[in-house]
Amino acid sequence: MFARVTRYRMKKESIEAAKSMLAELKPQIMSLPGMLNFINVVNDDGYGYVISVVESEEISNANQDKVQAIWTLFAEHLAEPPVADGFMVLMNEANR
């Protein structure tokens, strides 16, 4: 497994609008090839992270054009461009 962790900064006044957009885009995000988990967190100041866990680094890299297109939809809500890093997943567990 591979995780792409993306740091972003949203305009504080745009958090609610972006939250609504994210709900609408959920099917598109979750249908990205190899997508296993998707977490988006943000604080009151607009700083946040997206953590996407996919089957492999190769699949994550192959998804980059689609991911960039999704980020472009949020452009008006962002205070600065997102910055992504990739990581090997050592553990991915959940209590459900």
Protein backbone atom coordinates (compact mmCIF):
# COMPACT_ATOMS: atom_id res chain seq x y z
CA MET A 1 0.00 0.00 0.00
CA PHE A 2 0.98 3.58 -0.63
CA ALA A 3 -0.25 6.86 0.87
CA ARG A 4 -0.22 10.27 -0.72
CA VAL A 5 -0.31 12.95 2.00
CA THR A 6 -1.13 16.41 0.68
CA ARG A 7 -0.80 19.56 2.76
CA TYR A 8 -3.06 22.44 1.74
CA ARG A 9 -4.26 25.82 2.94
CA MET A 10 -7.81 26.87 2.25
CA LYS A 11 -9.26 30.34 2.56
CA LYS A 12 -11.04 30.36 5.93
CA GLU A 13 -14.21 31.77 4.39
CA SER A 14 -14.27 28.93 1.85
CA ILE A 15 -14.27 25.94 4.20
CA GLU A 16 -18.05 25.36 4.11
CA ALA A 17 -18.27 25.76 0.32
CA ALA A 18 -15.36 23.37 -0.14
CA LYS A 19 -17.00 20.89 2.23
CA SER A 20 -20.11 20.89 0.02
CA MET A 21 -18.00 20.43 -3.12
CA LEU A 22 -16.16 17.55 -1.50
CA ALA A 23 -19.46 15.78 -0.78
CA GLU A 24 -20.45 16.15 -4.44
CA LEU A 25 -17.07 14.87 -5.63
CA LYS A 26 -16.99 11.86 -3.28
CA PRO A 27 -18.02 9.34 -6.00
CA GLN A 28 -15.33 10.67 -8.35
CA ILE A 29 -12.66 10.58 -5.62
CA MET A 30 -13.55 7.12 -4.33
CA SER A 31 -13.65 5.66 -7.85
CA LEU A 32 -10.04 6.59 -8.58
CA PRO A 33 -8.16 3.39 -9.49
CA GLY A 34 -6.74 1.59 -6.46
CA MET A 35 -8.35 3.93 -3.89
CA LEU A 36 -8.68 2.23 -0.51
CA ASN A 37 -9.11 5.10 1.97
CA PHE A 38 -9.54 8.85 1.71
CA ILE A 39 -9.33 11.27 4.64
CA ASN A 40 -9.53 15.06 4.40
CA VAL A 41 -8.95 17.11 7.55
CA VAL A 42 -8.88 20.89 8.06
CA ASN A 43 -8.64 23.23 11.05
CA ASP A 44 -10.42 26.54 11.62
CA ASP A 45 -7.51 28.47 10.08
CA GLY A 46 -7.87 26.60 6.77
CA TYR A 47 -4.78 24.43 7.09
CA GLY A 48 -5.43 20.81 6.24
CA TYR A 49 -4.25 17.48 4.90
CA VAL A 50 -5.59 14.94 2.47
CA ILE A 51 -4.48 11.37 3.09
CA SER A 52 -5.27 8.92 0.33
CA VAL A 53 -4.30 5.28 0.63
CA VAL A 54 -4.04 3.36 -2.63
CA GLU A 55 -2.95 -0.11 -3.61
CA SER A 56 0.50 0.93 -4.86
CA GLU A 57 2.78 3.85 -5.64
CA GLU A 58 2.48 3.06 -9.35
CA ILE A 59 -1.30 3.39 -9.22
CA SER A 60 -1.03 6.60 -7.19
CA ASN A 61 1.37 8.06 -9.76
CA ALA A 62 -0.90 7.01 -12.62
CA ASN A 63 -3.81 8.86 -10.94
CA GLN A 64 -1.96 12.19 -10.78
CA ASP A 65 -3.68 13.82 -13.77
CA LYS A 66 -7.12 12.96 -12.36
CA VAL A 67 -6.11 14.12 -8.89
CA GLN A 68 -4.78 17.40 -10.28
CA ALA A 69 -8.08 17.93 -12.11
CA ILE A 70 -9.97 17.53 -8.82
CA TRP A 71 -7.66 20.00 -7.04
CA THR A 72 -8.25 22.46 -9.90
CA LEU A 73 -11.96 22.46 -9.02
CA PHE A 74 -11.03 23.76 -5.56
CA ALA A 75 -8.66 26.47 -6.86
CA GLU A 76 -10.89 29.41 -5.92
CA HIS A 77 -11.05 28.13 -2.34
CA LEU A 78 -7.31 27.59 -1.85
CA ALA A 79 -5.03 30.19 -0.27
CA GLU A 80 -1.97 28.43 -1.70
CA PRO A 81 -1.24 25.42 -3.92
CA PRO A 82 -1.34 21.96 -2.29
CA VAL A 83 1.94 20.12 -1.68
CA ALA A 84 1.96 16.30 -1.86
CA ASP A 85 4.39 13.69 -0.52
CA GLY A 86 4.25 9.93 -0.89
CA PHE A 87 4.82 7.26 1.73
CA MET A 88 4.90 3.49 2.04
CA VAL A 89 2.06 2.41 4.36
CA LEU A 90 3.30 0.41 7.34
CA MET A 91 -0.15 -0.04 8.89
CA ASN A 92 -3.70 0.84 7.85
CA GLU A 93 -6.26 -0.39 10.35
CA ALA A 94 -9.66 0.81 11.53
CA ASN A 95 -12.22 -0.04 14.19
CA ARG A 96 -15.60 0.05 12.50
